[in-house]
mmCIF file of all heavy atoms, coordinates in Angstrom:
data_MODEL
# 
_entry.id   MODEL 
# 
loop_
_atom_site.group_PDB 
_atom_site.id 
_atom_site.type_symbol 
_atom_site.label_atom_id 
_atom_site.label_alt_id 
_atom_site.label_comp_id 
_atom_site.label_asym_id 
_atom_site.label_entity_id 
_atom_site.label_seq_id 
_atom_site.pdbx_PDB_ins_code 
_atom_site.Cartn_x 
_atom_site.Cartn_y 
_atom_site.Cartn_z 
_atom_site.occupancy 
_atom_site.B_iso_or_equiv 
_atom_site.pdbx_formal_charge 
_atom_site.auth_seq_id 
_atom_site.auth_comp_id 
_atom_site.auth_asym_id 
_atom_site.auth_atom_id 
_atom_site.pdbx_PDB_model_num 
ATOM 1   N N   . ILE A 1 1  ? -7.856  -3.871 -2.763  1.00 0.00 ? 1  ILE A N   1 
ATOM 2   C CA  . ILE A 1 1  ? -7.016  -2.755 -2.361  1.00 0.00 ? 1  ILE A CA  1 
ATOM 3   C C   . ILE A 1 1  ? -7.410  -1.493 -3.314  1.00 0.00 ? 1  ILE A C   1 
ATOM 4   O O   . ILE A 1 1  ? -7.317  -1.543 -4.480  1.00 0.00 ? 1  ILE A O   1 
ATOM 5   C CB  . ILE A 1 1  ? -5.545  -3.125 -2.505  1.00 0.00 ? 1  ILE A CB  1 
ATOM 6   C CG1 . ILE A 1 1  ? -5.246  -4.292 -1.555  1.00 0.00 ? 1  ILE A CG1 1 
ATOM 7   C CG2 . ILE A 1 1  ? -4.645  -1.964 -2.169  1.00 0.00 ? 1  ILE A CG2 1 
ATOM 8   C CD1 . ILE A 1 1  ? -3.843  -4.884 -1.684  1.00 0.00 ? 1  ILE A CD1 1 
ATOM 9   N N   . HIS A 1 2  ? -7.627  -0.451 -2.569  1.00 0.00 ? 2  HIS A N   1 
ATOM 10  C CA  . HIS A 1 2  ? -7.908  0.798  -3.318  1.00 0.00 ? 2  HIS A CA  1 
ATOM 11  C C   . HIS A 1 2  ? -6.573  1.642  -3.466  1.00 0.00 ? 2  HIS A C   1 
ATOM 12  O O   . HIS A 1 2  ? -5.742  1.652  -2.632  1.00 0.00 ? 2  HIS A O   1 
ATOM 13  C CB  . HIS A 1 2  ? -8.965  1.673  -2.550  1.00 0.00 ? 2  HIS A CB  1 
ATOM 14  C CG  . HIS A 1 2  ? -9.466  2.789  -3.415  1.00 0.00 ? 2  HIS A CG  1 
ATOM 15  N ND1 . HIS A 1 2  ? -8.964  4.011  -3.462  1.00 0.00 ? 2  HIS A ND1 1 
ATOM 16  C CD2 . HIS A 1 2  ? -10.499 2.744  -4.313  1.00 0.00 ? 2  HIS A CD2 1 
ATOM 17  C CE1 . HIS A 1 2  ? -9.674  4.800  -4.221  1.00 0.00 ? 2  HIS A CE1 1 
ATOM 18  N NE2 . HIS A 1 2  ? -10.610 4.016  -4.795  1.00 0.00 ? 2  HIS A NE2 1 
ATOM 19  N N   . ARG A 1 3  ? -6.569  2.295  -4.591  1.00 0.00 ? 3  ARG A N   1 
ATOM 20  C CA  . ARG A 1 3  ? -5.343  3.058  -5.033  1.00 0.00 ? 3  ARG A CA  1 
ATOM 21  C C   . ARG A 1 3  ? -5.031  4.140  -4.009  1.00 0.00 ? 3  ARG A C   1 
ATOM 22  O O   . ARG A 1 3  ? -3.836  4.439  -3.778  1.00 0.00 ? 3  ARG A O   1 
ATOM 23  C CB  . ARG A 1 3  ? -5.518  3.653  -6.396  1.00 0.00 ? 3  ARG A CB  1 
ATOM 24  C CG  . ARG A 1 3  ? -4.176  4.074  -6.901  1.00 0.00 ? 3  ARG A CG  1 
ATOM 25  C CD  . ARG A 1 3  ? -4.278  4.233  -8.455  1.00 0.00 ? 3  ARG A CD  1 
ATOM 26  N NE  . ARG A 1 3  ? -2.986  4.309  -9.117  1.00 0.00 ? 3  ARG A NE  1 
ATOM 27  C CZ  . ARG A 1 3  ? -2.676  4.181  -10.367 1.00 0.00 ? 3  ARG A CZ  1 
ATOM 28  N NH1 . ARG A 1 3  ? -3.689  3.855  -11.183 1.00 0.00 ? 3  ARG A NH1 1 
ATOM 29  N NH2 . ARG A 1 3  ? -1.452  4.252  -10.845 1.00 0.00 ? 3  ARG A NH2 1 
ATOM 30  N N   . SER A 1 4  ? -6.009  4.815  -3.376  1.00 0.00 ? 4  SER A N   1 
ATOM 31  C CA  . SER A 1 4  ? -5.802  5.871  -2.468  1.00 0.00 ? 4  SER A CA  1 
ATOM 32  C C   . SER A 1 4  ? -4.926  5.378  -1.232  1.00 0.00 ? 4  SER A C   1 
ATOM 33  O O   . SER A 1 4  ? -3.988  6.072  -0.812  1.00 0.00 ? 4  SER A O   1 
ATOM 34  C CB  . SER A 1 4  ? -7.134  6.437  -1.880  1.00 0.00 ? 4  SER A CB  1 
ATOM 35  O OG  . SER A 1 4  ? -7.894  5.418  -1.252  1.00 0.00 ? 4  SER A OG  1 
ATOM 36  N N   . ALA A 1 5  ? -5.271  4.237  -0.738  1.00 0.00 ? 5  ALA A N   1 
ATOM 37  C CA  . ALA A 1 5  ? -4.519  3.646  0.414   1.00 0.00 ? 5  ALA A CA  1 
ATOM 38  C C   . ALA A 1 5  ? -3.076  3.105  -0.129  1.00 0.00 ? 5  ALA A C   1 
ATOM 39  O O   . ALA A 1 5  ? -2.110  3.324  0.590   1.00 0.00 ? 5  ALA A O   1 
ATOM 40  C CB  . ALA A 1 5  ? -5.290  2.584  1.084   1.00 0.00 ? 5  ALA A CB  1 
ATOM 41  N N   . GLU A 1 6  ? -3.167  2.515  -1.273  1.00 0.00 ? 6  GLU A N   1 
ATOM 42  C CA  . GLU A 1 6  ? -1.872  1.954  -1.818  1.00 0.00 ? 6  GLU A CA  1 
ATOM 43  C C   . GLU A 1 6  ? -0.838  3.010  -2.060  1.00 0.00 ? 6  GLU A C   1 
ATOM 44  O O   . GLU A 1 6  ? 0.355   2.812  -1.738  1.00 0.00 ? 6  GLU A O   1 
ATOM 45  C CB  . GLU A 1 6  ? -2.214  1.196  -3.128  1.00 0.00 ? 6  GLU A CB  1 
ATOM 46  C CG  . GLU A 1 6  ? -1.045  0.419  -3.623  1.00 0.00 ? 6  GLU A CG  1 
ATOM 47  C CD  . GLU A 1 6  ? -1.484  -0.453 -4.884  1.00 0.00 ? 6  GLU A CD  1 
ATOM 48  O OE1 . GLU A 1 6  ? -1.980  0.234  -5.861  1.00 0.00 ? 6  GLU A OE1 1 
ATOM 49  O OE2 . GLU A 1 6  ? -1.386  -1.618 -4.759  1.00 0.00 ? 6  GLU A OE2 1 
ATOM 50  N N   . ASP A 1 7  ? -1.263  4.183  -2.548  1.00 0.00 ? 7  ASP A N   1 
ATOM 51  C CA  . ASP A 1 7  ? -0.303  5.240  -2.842  1.00 0.00 ? 7  ASP A CA  1 
ATOM 52  C C   . ASP A 1 7  ? 0.374   5.764  -1.529  1.00 0.00 ? 7  ASP A C   1 
ATOM 53  O O   . ASP A 1 7  ? 1.466   6.068  -1.439  1.00 0.00 ? 7  ASP A O   1 
ATOM 54  C CB  . ASP A 1 7  ? -0.941  6.397  -3.562  1.00 0.00 ? 7  ASP A CB  1 
ATOM 55  C CG  . ASP A 1 7  ? -1.232  6.037  -5.058  1.00 0.00 ? 7  ASP A CG  1 
ATOM 56  O OD1 . ASP A 1 7  ? -0.643  5.068  -5.507  1.00 0.00 ? 7  ASP A OD1 1 
ATOM 57  O OD2 . ASP A 1 7  ? -2.023  6.775  -5.688  1.00 0.00 ? 7  ASP A OD2 1 
ATOM 58  N N   . MET A 1 8  ? -0.517  5.887  -0.481  1.00 0.00 ? 8  MET A N   1 
ATOM 59  C CA  . MET A 1 8  ? 0.032   6.324  0.793   1.00 0.00 ? 8  MET A CA  1 
ATOM 60  C C   . MET A 1 8  ? 0.981   5.329  1.463   1.00 0.00 ? 8  MET A C   1 
ATOM 61  O O   . MET A 1 8  ? 1.980   5.738  2.075   1.00 0.00 ? 8  MET A O   1 
ATOM 62  C CB  . MET A 1 8  ? -1.147  6.682  1.718   1.00 0.00 ? 8  MET A CB  1 
ATOM 63  C CG  . MET A 1 8  ? -1.864  7.876  1.290   1.00 0.00 ? 8  MET A CG  1 
ATOM 64  S SD  . MET A 1 8  ? -0.872  9.440  1.241   1.00 0.00 ? 8  MET A SD  1 
ATOM 65  C CE  . MET A 1 8  ? -0.633  9.636  -0.523  1.00 0.00 ? 8  MET A CE  1 
ATOM 66  N N   . VAL A 1 9  ? 0.670   4.034  1.299   1.00 0.00 ? 9  VAL A N   1 
ATOM 67  C CA  . VAL A 1 9  ? 1.600   3.031  1.846   1.00 0.00 ? 9  VAL A CA  1 
ATOM 68  C C   . VAL A 1 9  ? 2.915   3.117  1.110   1.00 0.00 ? 9  VAL A C   1 
ATOM 69  O O   . VAL A 1 9  ? 3.978   2.920  1.781   1.00 0.00 ? 9  VAL A O   1 
ATOM 70  C CB  . VAL A 1 9  ? 0.911   1.593  1.657   1.00 0.00 ? 9  VAL A CB  1 
ATOM 71  C CG1 . VAL A 1 9  ? 1.992   0.582  1.962   1.00 0.00 ? 9  VAL A CG1 1 
ATOM 72  C CG2 . VAL A 1 9  ? -0.259  1.406  2.608   1.00 0.00 ? 9  VAL A CG2 1 
ATOM 73  N N   . LYS A 1 10 ? 2.897   3.337  -0.200  1.00 0.00 ? 10 LYS A N   1 
ATOM 74  C CA  . LYS A 1 10 ? 4.160   3.465  -0.904  1.00 0.00 ? 10 LYS A CA  1 
ATOM 75  C C   . LYS A 1 10 ? 4.884   4.727  -0.326  1.00 0.00 ? 10 LYS A C   1 
ATOM 76  O O   . LYS A 1 10 ? 6.100   4.646  -0.131  1.00 0.00 ? 10 LYS A O   1 
ATOM 77  C CB  . LYS A 1 10 ? 3.816   3.781  -2.318  1.00 0.00 ? 10 LYS A CB  1 
ATOM 78  C CG  . LYS A 1 10 ? 3.322   2.561  -3.160  1.00 0.00 ? 10 LYS A CG  1 
ATOM 79  C CD  . LYS A 1 10 ? 3.080   2.932  -4.607  1.00 0.00 ? 10 LYS A CD  1 
ATOM 80  C CE  . LYS A 1 10 ? 2.525   1.718  -5.406  1.00 0.00 ? 10 LYS A CE  1 
ATOM 81  N NZ  . LYS A 1 10 ? 2.186   2.195  -6.775  1.00 0.00 ? 10 LYS A NZ  1 
ATOM 82  N N   . LEU A 1 11 ? 4.250   5.829  -0.226  1.00 0.00 ? 11 LEU A N   1 
ATOM 83  C CA  . LEU A 1 11 ? 4.938   7.037  0.221   1.00 0.00 ? 11 LEU A CA  1 
ATOM 84  C C   . LEU A 1 11 ? 5.449   6.988  1.561   1.00 0.00 ? 11 LEU A C   1 
ATOM 85  O O   . LEU A 1 11 ? 6.695   7.220  1.744   1.00 0.00 ? 11 LEU A O   1 
ATOM 86  C CB  . LEU A 1 11 ? 3.899   8.252  0.094   1.00 0.00 ? 11 LEU A CB  1 
ATOM 87  C CG  . LEU A 1 11 ? 4.445   9.572  0.326   1.00 0.00 ? 11 LEU A CG  1 
ATOM 88  C CD1 . LEU A 1 11 ? 5.412   9.959  -0.796  1.00 0.00 ? 11 LEU A CD1 1 
ATOM 89  C CD2 . LEU A 1 11 ? 3.239   10.642 0.275   1.00 0.00 ? 11 LEU A CD2 1 
ATOM 90  N N   . TYR A 1 12 ? 4.755   6.544  2.543   1.00 0.00 ? 12 TYR A N   1 
ATOM 91  C CA  . TYR A 1 12 ? 5.206   6.401  3.920   1.00 0.00 ? 12 TYR A CA  1 
ATOM 92  C C   . TYR A 1 12 ? 6.241   5.333  4.024   1.00 0.00 ? 12 TYR A C   1 
ATOM 93  O O   . TYR A 1 12 ? 7.217   5.505  4.736   1.00 0.00 ? 12 TYR A O   1 
ATOM 94  C CB  . TYR A 1 12 ? 4.061   6.242  4.880   1.00 0.00 ? 12 TYR A CB  1 
ATOM 95  C CG  . TYR A 1 12 ? 3.262   7.454  5.198   1.00 0.00 ? 12 TYR A CG  1 
ATOM 96  C CD1 . TYR A 1 12 ? 2.141   7.737  4.409   1.00 0.00 ? 12 TYR A CD1 1 
ATOM 97  C CD2 . TYR A 1 12 ? 3.572   8.225  6.261   1.00 0.00 ? 12 TYR A CD2 1 
ATOM 98  C CE1 . TYR A 1 12 ? 1.390   8.905  4.688   1.00 0.00 ? 12 TYR A CE1 1 
ATOM 99  C CE2 . TYR A 1 12 ? 2.906   9.465  6.514   1.00 0.00 ? 12 TYR A CE2 1 
ATOM 100 C CZ  . TYR A 1 12 ? 1.762   9.698  5.825   1.00 0.00 ? 12 TYR A CZ  1 
ATOM 101 O OH  . TYR A 1 12 ? 1.013   10.822 6.014   1.00 0.00 ? 12 TYR A OH  1 
ATOM 102 N N   . GLY A 1 13 ? 6.051   4.165  3.329   1.00 0.00 ? 13 GLY A N   1 
ATOM 103 C CA  . GLY A 1 13 ? 7.035   3.128  3.516   1.00 0.00 ? 13 GLY A CA  1 
ATOM 104 C C   . GLY A 1 13 ? 8.325   3.445  2.860   1.00 0.00 ? 13 GLY A C   1 
ATOM 105 O O   . GLY A 1 13 ? 9.385   3.151  3.528   1.00 0.00 ? 13 GLY A O   1 
ATOM 106 N N   . LEU A 1 14 ? 8.449   4.123  1.711   1.00 0.00 ? 14 LEU A N   1 
ATOM 107 C CA  . LEU A 1 14 ? 9.715   4.473  1.166   1.00 0.00 ? 14 LEU A CA  1 
ATOM 108 C C   . LEU A 1 14 ? 10.434  5.539  2.001   1.00 0.00 ? 14 LEU A C   1 
ATOM 109 O O   . LEU A 1 14 ? 11.604  5.399  2.057   1.00 0.00 ? 14 LEU A O   1 
ATOM 110 C CB  . LEU A 1 14 ? 9.551   4.985  -0.257  1.00 0.00 ? 14 LEU A CB  1 
ATOM 111 C CG  . LEU A 1 14 ? 9.165   3.942  -1.364  1.00 0.00 ? 14 LEU A CG  1 
ATOM 112 C CD1 . LEU A 1 14 ? 8.835   4.684  -2.713  1.00 0.00 ? 14 LEU A CD1 1 
ATOM 113 C CD2 . LEU A 1 14 ? 10.268  2.992  -1.526  1.00 0.00 ? 14 LEU A CD2 1 
ATOM 114 N N   . THR A 1 15 ? 9.693   6.455  2.605   1.00 0.00 ? 15 THR A N   1 
ATOM 115 C CA  . THR A 1 15 ? 10.252  7.419  3.413   1.00 0.00 ? 15 THR A CA  1 
ATOM 116 C C   . THR A 1 15 ? 10.846  6.737  4.678   1.00 0.00 ? 15 THR A C   1 
ATOM 117 O O   . THR A 1 15 ? 11.960  7.136  5.197   1.00 0.00 ? 15 THR A O   1 
ATOM 118 C CB  . THR A 1 15 ? 9.292   8.510  3.760   1.00 0.00 ? 15 THR A CB  1 
ATOM 119 O OG1 . THR A 1 15 ? 8.714   9.003  2.692   1.00 0.00 ? 15 THR A OG1 1 
ATOM 120 C CG2 . THR A 1 15 ? 10.027  9.633  4.580   1.00 0.00 ? 15 THR A CG2 1 
ATOM 121 N N   . ALA A 1 16 ? 10.177  5.770  5.247   1.00 0.00 ? 16 ALA A N   1 
ATOM 122 C CA  . ALA A 1 16 ? 10.710  5.023  6.308   1.00 0.00 ? 16 ALA A CA  1 
ATOM 123 C C   . ALA A 1 16 ? 12.020  4.375  6.032   1.00 0.00 ? 16 ALA A C   1 
ATOM 124 O O   . ALA A 1 16 ? 12.979  4.401  6.811   1.00 0.00 ? 16 ALA A O   1 
ATOM 125 C CB  . ALA A 1 16 ? 9.684   3.956  6.802   1.00 0.00 ? 16 ALA A CB  1 
ATOM 126 N N   . ILE A 1 17 ? 12.122  3.720  4.886   1.00 0.00 ? 17 ILE A N   1 
ATOM 127 C CA  . ILE A 1 17 ? 13.397  3.051  4.504   1.00 0.00 ? 17 ILE A CA  1 
ATOM 128 C C   . ILE A 1 17 ? 14.483  4.137  4.232   1.00 0.00 ? 17 ILE A C   1 
ATOM 129 O O   . ILE A 1 17 ? 15.630  3.844  4.673   1.00 0.00 ? 17 ILE A O   1 
ATOM 130 C CB  . ILE A 1 17 ? 13.141  2.295  3.114   1.00 0.00 ? 17 ILE A CB  1 
ATOM 131 C CG1 . ILE A 1 17 ? 12.229  1.099  3.400   1.00 0.00 ? 17 ILE A CG1 1 
ATOM 132 C CG2 . ILE A 1 17 ? 14.469  1.804  2.551   1.00 0.00 ? 17 ILE A CG2 1 
ATOM 133 C CD1 . ILE A 1 17 ? 11.873  0.309  2.179   1.00 0.00 ? 17 ILE A CD1 1 
ATOM 134 N N   . LEU A 1 18 ? 14.140  5.336  3.771   1.00 0.00 ? 18 LEU A N   1 
ATOM 135 C CA  . LEU A 1 18 ? 15.157  6.344  3.721   1.00 0.00 ? 18 LEU A CA  1 
ATOM 136 C C   . LEU A 1 18 ? 15.651  6.772  5.110   1.00 0.00 ? 18 LEU A C   1 
ATOM 137 O O   . LEU A 1 18 ? 16.834  6.954  5.296   1.00 0.00 ? 18 LEU A O   1 
ATOM 138 C CB  . LEU A 1 18 ? 14.538  7.594  3.076   1.00 0.00 ? 18 LEU A CB  1 
ATOM 139 C CG  . LEU A 1 18 ? 15.436  8.857  2.925   1.00 0.00 ? 18 LEU A CG  1 
ATOM 140 C CD1 . LEU A 1 18 ? 16.666  8.578  2.080   1.00 0.00 ? 18 LEU A CD1 1 
ATOM 141 C CD2 . LEU A 1 18 ? 14.653  10.086 2.325   1.00 0.00 ? 18 LEU A CD2 1 
ATOM 142 N N   . ALA A 1 19 ? 14.795  6.861  6.083   1.00 0.00 ? 19 ALA A N   1 
ATOM 143 C CA  . ALA A 1 19 ? 15.196  7.205  7.483   1.00 0.00 ? 19 ALA A CA  1 
ATOM 144 C C   . ALA A 1 19 ? 16.006  6.114  8.028   1.00 0.00 ? 19 ALA A C   1 
ATOM 145 O O   . ALA A 1 19 ? 17.048  6.318  8.799   1.00 0.00 ? 19 ALA A O   1 
ATOM 146 C CB  . ALA A 1 19 ? 13.937  7.428  8.383   1.00 0.00 ? 19 ALA A CB  1 
ATOM 147 N N   . LEU A 1 20 ? 15.720  4.819  7.614   1.00 0.00 ? 20 LEU A N   1 
ATOM 148 C CA  . LEU A 1 20 ? 16.501  3.703  8.147   1.00 0.00 ? 20 LEU A CA  1 
ATOM 149 C C   . LEU A 1 20 ? 17.921  3.785  7.628   1.00 0.00 ? 20 LEU A C   1 
ATOM 150 O O   . LEU A 1 20 ? 18.957  3.535  8.265   1.00 0.00 ? 20 LEU A O   1 
ATOM 151 C CB  . LEU A 1 20 ? 15.878  2.344  7.595   1.00 0.00 ? 20 LEU A CB  1 
ATOM 152 C CG  . LEU A 1 20 ? 16.631  1.059  7.841   1.00 0.00 ? 20 LEU A CG  1 
ATOM 153 C CD1 . LEU A 1 20 ? 16.757  0.722  9.419   1.00 0.00 ? 20 LEU A CD1 1 
ATOM 154 C CD2 . LEU A 1 20 ? 15.946  -0.091 7.150   1.00 0.00 ? 20 LEU A CD2 1 
ATOM 155 N N   . ALA A 1 21 ? 18.047  4.189  6.295   1.00 0.00 ? 21 ALA A N   1 
ATOM 156 C CA  . ALA A 1 21 ? 19.378  4.368  5.681   1.00 0.00 ? 21 ALA A CA  1 
ATOM 157 C C   . ALA A 1 21 ? 20.255  5.416  6.346   1.00 0.00 ? 21 ALA A C   1 
ATOM 158 O O   . ALA A 1 21 ? 21.361  5.282  6.619   1.00 0.00 ? 21 ALA A O   1 
ATOM 159 C CB  . ALA A 1 21 ? 19.213  4.591  4.173   1.00 0.00 ? 21 ALA A CB  1 
ATOM 160 N N   . VAL A 1 22 ? 19.563  6.616  6.650   1.00 0.00 ? 22 VAL A N   1 
ATOM 161 C CA  . VAL A 1 22 ? 20.245  7.618  7.309   1.00 0.00 ? 22 VAL A CA  1 
ATOM 162 C C   . VAL A 1 22 ? 20.712  7.277  8.693   1.00 0.00 ? 22 VAL A C   1 
ATOM 163 O O   . VAL A 1 22 ? 21.902  7.477  9.011   1.00 0.00 ? 22 VAL A O   1 
ATOM 164 C CB  . VAL A 1 22 ? 19.314  8.927  7.402   1.00 0.00 ? 22 VAL A CB  1 
ATOM 165 C CG1 . VAL A 1 22 ? 19.989  10.066 8.187   1.00 0.00 ? 22 VAL A CG1 1 
ATOM 166 C CG2 . VAL A 1 22 ? 19.030  9.424  5.959   1.00 0.00 ? 22 VAL A CG2 1 
ATOM 167 N N   . GLY A 1 23 ? 19.746  6.672  9.404   1.00 0.00 ? 23 GLY A N   1 
ATOM 168 C CA  . GLY A 1 23 ? 20.170  6.216  10.814  1.00 0.00 ? 23 GLY A CA  1 
ATOM 169 C C   . GLY A 1 23 ? 21.299  5.248  10.758  1.00 0.00 ? 23 GLY A C   1 
ATOM 170 O O   . GLY A 1 23 ? 22.191  5.162  11.622  1.00 0.00 ? 23 GLY A O   1 
ATOM 171 N N   . GLY A 1 24 ? 21.286  4.355  9.765   1.00 0.00 ? 24 GLY A N   1 
ATOM 172 C CA  . GLY A 1 24 ? 22.245  3.305  9.590   1.00 0.00 ? 24 GLY A CA  1 
ATOM 173 C C   . GLY A 1 24 ? 23.636  3.866  9.330   1.00 0.00 ? 24 GLY A C   1 
ATOM 174 O O   . GLY A 1 24 ? 24.708  3.350  9.874   1.00 0.00 ? 24 GLY A O   1 
ATOM 175 N N   . VAL A 1 25 ? 23.718  4.917  8.499   1.00 0.00 ? 25 VAL A N   1 
ATOM 176 C CA  . VAL A 1 25 ? 24.991  5.610  8.233   1.00 0.00 ? 25 VAL A CA  1 
ATOM 177 C C   . VAL A 1 25 ? 25.641  6.098  9.459   1.00 0.00 ? 25 VAL A C   1 
ATOM 178 O O   . VAL A 1 25 ? 26.799  5.962  9.774   1.00 0.00 ? 25 VAL A O   1 
ATOM 179 C CB  . VAL A 1 25 ? 24.831  6.674  7.140   1.00 0.00 ? 25 VAL A CB  1 
ATOM 180 C CG1 . VAL A 1 25 ? 26.066  7.565  7.072   1.00 0.00 ? 25 VAL A CG1 1 
ATOM 181 C CG2 . VAL A 1 25 ? 24.471  6.082  5.827   1.00 0.00 ? 25 VAL A CG2 1 
ATOM 182 N N   . PHE A 1 26 ? 24.802  6.807  10.338  1.00 0.00 ? 26 PHE A N   1 
ATOM 183 C CA  . PHE A 1 26 ? 25.328  7.385  11.602  1.00 0.00 ? 26 PHE A CA  1 
ATOM 184 C C   . PHE A 1 26 ? 25.569  6.317  12.539  1.00 0.00 ? 26 PHE A C   1 
ATOM 185 O O   . PHE A 1 26 ? 26.351  6.585  13.462  1.00 0.00 ? 26 PHE A O   1 
ATOM 186 C CB  . PHE A 1 26 ? 24.352  8.409  12.051  1.00 0.00 ? 26 PHE A CB  1 
ATOM 187 C CG  . PHE A 1 26 ? 24.421  9.750  11.277  1.00 0.00 ? 26 PHE A CG  1 
ATOM 188 C CD1 . PHE A 1 26 ? 23.723  9.909  10.178  1.00 0.00 ? 26 PHE A CD1 1 
ATOM 189 C CD2 . PHE A 1 26 ? 25.164  10.794 11.849  1.00 0.00 ? 26 PHE A CD2 1 
ATOM 190 C CE1 . PHE A 1 26 ? 23.823  11.105 9.405   1.00 0.00 ? 26 PHE A CE1 1 
ATOM 191 C CE2 . PHE A 1 26 ? 25.298  11.989 11.101  1.00 0.00 ? 26 PHE A CE2 1 
ATOM 192 C CZ  . PHE A 1 26 ? 24.633  12.108 9.949   1.00 0.00 ? 26 PHE A CZ  1 
ATOM 193 N N   . ALA A 1 27 ? 25.013  5.162  12.439  1.00 0.00 ? 27 ALA A N   1 
ATOM 194 C CA  . ALA A 1 27 ? 25.243  4.029  13.362  1.00 0.00 ? 27 ALA A CA  1 
ATOM 195 C C   . ALA A 1 27 ? 26.724  3.574  13.248  1.00 0.00 ? 27 ALA A C   1 
ATOM 196 O O   . ALA A 1 27 ? 27.379  3.127  14.192  1.00 0.00 ? 27 ALA A O   1 
ATOM 197 C CB  . ALA A 1 27 ? 24.309  2.908  13.096  1.00 0.00 ? 27 ALA A CB  1 
ATOM 198 N N   . VAL A 1 28 ? 27.333  3.664  12.023  1.00 0.00 ? 28 VAL A N   1 
ATOM 199 C CA  . VAL A 1 28 ? 28.653  3.247  11.778  1.00 0.00 ? 28 VAL A CA  1 
ATOM 200 C C   . VAL A 1 28 ? 29.621  4.146  12.705  1.00 0.00 ? 28 VAL A C   1 
ATOM 201 O O   . VAL A 1 28 ? 30.508  3.604  13.445  1.00 0.00 ? 28 VAL A O   1 
ATOM 202 C CB  . VAL A 1 28 ? 29.058  3.463  10.384  1.00 0.00 ? 28 VAL A CB  1 
ATOM 203 C CG1 . VAL A 1 28 ? 30.565  3.175  10.167  1.00 0.00 ? 28 VAL A CG1 1 
ATOM 204 C CG2 . VAL A 1 28 ? 28.217  2.580  9.488   1.00 0.00 ? 28 VAL A CG2 1 
ATOM 205 N N   . PHE A 1 29 ? 29.337  5.440  12.812  1.00 0.00 ? 29 PHE A N   1 
ATOM 206 C CA  . PHE A 1 29 ? 30.227  6.342  13.532  1.00 0.00 ? 29 PHE A CA  1 
ATOM 207 C C   . PHE A 1 29 ? 30.004  6.073  15.079  1.00 0.00 ? 29 PHE A C   1 
ATOM 208 O O   . PHE A 1 29 ? 30.904  6.204  15.888  1.00 0.00 ? 29 PHE A O   1 
ATOM 209 C CB  . PHE A 1 29 ? 29.898  7.767  13.206  1.00 0.00 ? 29 PHE A CB  1 
ATOM 210 C CG  . PHE A 1 29 ? 30.209  8.158  11.817  1.00 0.00 ? 29 PHE A CG  1 
ATOM 211 C CD1 . PHE A 1 29 ? 29.332  8.002  10.749  1.00 0.00 ? 29 PHE A CD1 1 
ATOM 212 C CD2 . PHE A 1 29 ? 31.518  8.586  11.462  1.00 0.00 ? 29 PHE A CD2 1 
ATOM 213 C CE1 . PHE A 1 29 ? 29.610  8.305  9.380   1.00 0.00 ? 29 PHE A CE1 1 
ATOM 214 C CE2 . PHE A 1 29 ? 31.944  8.953  10.164  1.00 0.00 ? 29 PHE A CE2 1 
ATOM 215 C CZ  . PHE A 1 29 ? 30.911  8.748  9.193   1.00 0.00 ? 29 PHE A CZ  1 
# 
């Protein structure tokens, strides 16, 4: 695994989880 790909997987993956959290909060309402 090369660091260039690994860093991008981290960045996109964490942002995806943030979007999941935002959508989940609004799902309550």
